[in-house]
Amino acid sequence: MYTLNRTATTDMEVTSIRLERELKEKLKEISGNQGYQALIRDVLWNYVRQKSGNLEQVSPAEIRASIQALANREEHCALTGRLIHPQEPMLLGLTATGDMVPLSLGSLTAGG
């Protein structure tokens, strides 16, 4: 998961959000020492980066598994930055943090 350089909480704006009690408890469980508010910020930043097309590149060591796929829209390989065109064969890589990232064919092999 993408993690920002931490901004001091004194430099952040206070925002109120209503969450179901069960959701809040689950977030607390999975956030561990990070804290659930930091986890929520990471999730929101990942969503914004995904929607804006600014996903950070990952290293091959971060890919736990991959499956074959067909691009439905223009994507960029998370390893090489190479453009993947709509209807082009590609891979979806599962990262160690549970994210699915687009990968171009051959990007997992040496020199891919």
Protein backbone atom coordinates (compact mmCIF):
# COMPACT_ATOMS: atom_id res chain seq x y z
CA MET A 1 0.00 0.00 0.00
CA TYR A 2 1.22 3.48 -0.75
CA THR A 3 2.41 5.36 2.31
CA LEU A 4 2.97 9.08 2.24
CA ASN A 5 5.78 10.85 3.98
CA ARG A 6 4.04 11.51 7.23
CA THR A 7 2.64 14.99 7.67
CA ALA A 8 2.51 16.26 11.21
CA THR A 9 -1.04 15.98 12.49
CA THR A 10 -0.86 19.66 13.46
CA ASP A 11 -0.56 20.44 9.72
CA MET A 12 -3.68 18.41 8.82
CA GLU A 13 -7.26 19.59 8.63
CA VAL A 14 -9.75 18.01 11.00
CA THR A 15 -12.50 16.14 9.17
CA SER A 16 -15.39 14.27 10.69
CA ILE A 17 -16.49 11.03 9.06
CA ARG A 18 -19.18 8.65 10.22
CA LEU A 19 -18.27 4.97 10.14
CA GLU A 20 -20.22 1.94 11.15
CA ARG A 21 -18.96 0.70 14.53
CA GLU A 22 -18.07 -2.70 13.02
CA LEU A 23 -16.03 -1.03 10.24
CA LYS A 24 -14.15 1.10 12.73
CA GLU A 25 -13.35 -1.95 14.86
CA LYS A 26 -12.14 -3.92 11.81
CA LEU A 27 -9.93 -0.99 10.77
CA LYS A 28 -8.45 -0.88 14.26
CA GLU A 29 -7.77 -4.64 14.11
CA ILE A 30 -5.93 -4.57 10.79
CA SER A 31 -4.08 -1.29 11.35
CA GLY A 32 -1.97 -2.61 14.21
CA ASN A 33 0.56 -0.10 15.51
CA GLN A 34 -0.07 2.18 12.51
CA GLY A 35 -3.44 3.30 13.88
CA TYR A 36 -6.72 3.21 12.03
CA GLN A 37 -6.73 6.90 11.07
CA ALA A 38 -3.35 6.52 9.35
CA LEU A 39 -4.69 3.41 7.62
CA ILE A 40 -7.75 5.34 6.40
CA ARG A 41 -5.45 8.09 5.03
CA ASP A 42 -3.34 5.47 3.22
CA VAL A 43 -6.45 3.86 1.73
CA LEU A 44 -7.80 7.24 0.59
CA TRP A 45 -4.43 8.29 -0.92
CA ASN A 46 -4.22 4.95 -2.77
CA TYR A 47 -7.71 5.50 -4.16
CA VAL A 48 -6.88 9.05 -5.28
CA ARG A 49 -3.62 7.91 -6.90
CA GLN A 50 -5.37 5.02 -8.65
CA LYS A 51 -8.15 7.23 -10.01
CA SER A 52 -5.71 9.93 -11.13
CA GLY A 53 -3.41 7.40 -12.84
CA ASN A 54 -0.46 8.25 -10.58
CA LEU A 55 0.23 4.83 -9.12
CA GLU A 56 3.67 4.39 -7.67
CA GLN A 57 5.86 1.77 -9.29
CA VAL A 58 6.60 -1.39 -7.34
CA SER A 59 9.56 -3.75 -7.40
CA PRO A 60 9.36 -7.34 -8.69
CA ALA A 61 10.04 -8.58 -5.15
CA GLU A 62 6.73 -7.04 -4.03
CA ILE A 63 4.70 -9.19 -6.47
CA ARG A 64 3.44 -12.34 -4.74
CA ALA A 65 1.40 -13.77 -7.62
CA SER A 66 0.11 -12.82 -11.05
CA ILE A 67 -2.82 -13.77 -13.24
CA GLN A 68 -3.42 -13.25 -16.93
CA ALA A 69 -5.85 -10.50 -17.85
CA LEU A 70 -7.00 -8.31 -20.71
CA ALA A 71 -6.84 -4.54 -20.31
CA ASN A 72 -10.24 -2.88 -20.48
CA ARG A 73 -8.73 0.58 -20.52
CA GLU A 74 -5.33 2.20 -20.81
CA GLU A 75 -3.05 1.17 -17.93
CA HIS A 76 0.58 1.64 -16.99
CA CYS A 77 2.74 -1.26 -15.85
CA ALA A 78 3.50 -0.90 -12.14
CA LEU A 79 7.00 -2.32 -12.68
CA THR A 80 8.18 -0.59 -15.85
CA GLY A 81 5.74 2.27 -16.44
CA ARG A 82 5.12 0.87 -19.95
CA LEU A 83 1.74 1.79 -21.46
CA ILE A 84 -0.74 -1.08 -21.73
CA HIS A 85 -3.41 -0.41 -24.37
CA PRO A 86 -7.09 -1.39 -24.14
CA GLN A 87 -7.69 -5.02 -25.21
CA GLU A 88 -3.96 -5.80 -24.83
CA PRO A 89 -3.03 -8.93 -22.85
CA MET A 90 -1.53 -8.07 -19.48
CA LEU A 91 -1.02 -9.47 -16.00
CA LEU A 92 -2.55 -8.44 -12.71
CA GLY A 93 0.03 -8.66 -9.95
CA LEU A 94 -0.91 -9.24 -6.32
CA THR A 95 1.42 -7.27 -4.06
CA ALA A 96 2.52 -8.21 -0.58
CA THR A 97 0.10 -5.58 0.75
CA GLY A 98 -2.87 -7.10 -1.11
CA ASP A 99 -3.09 -4.55 -3.93
CA MET A 100 -3.71 -5.67 -7.50
CA VAL A 101 -1.47 -3.78 -9.93
CA PRO A 102 -1.33 -3.82 -13.75
CA LEU A 103 1.74 -5.49 -15.24
CA SER A 104 2.84 -5.68 -18.85
CA LEU A 105 3.64 -9.11 -20.25
CA GLY A 106 7.28 -9.97 -19.64
CA SER A 107 7.73 -7.34 -16.93
CA LEU A 108 8.33 -9.98 -14.27
CA THR A 109 11.18 -11.62 -16.18
CA ALA A 110 14.72 -10.24 -16.16
CA GLY A 111 14.94 -7.30 -18.52
CA GLY A 112 11.12 -7.49 -19.04
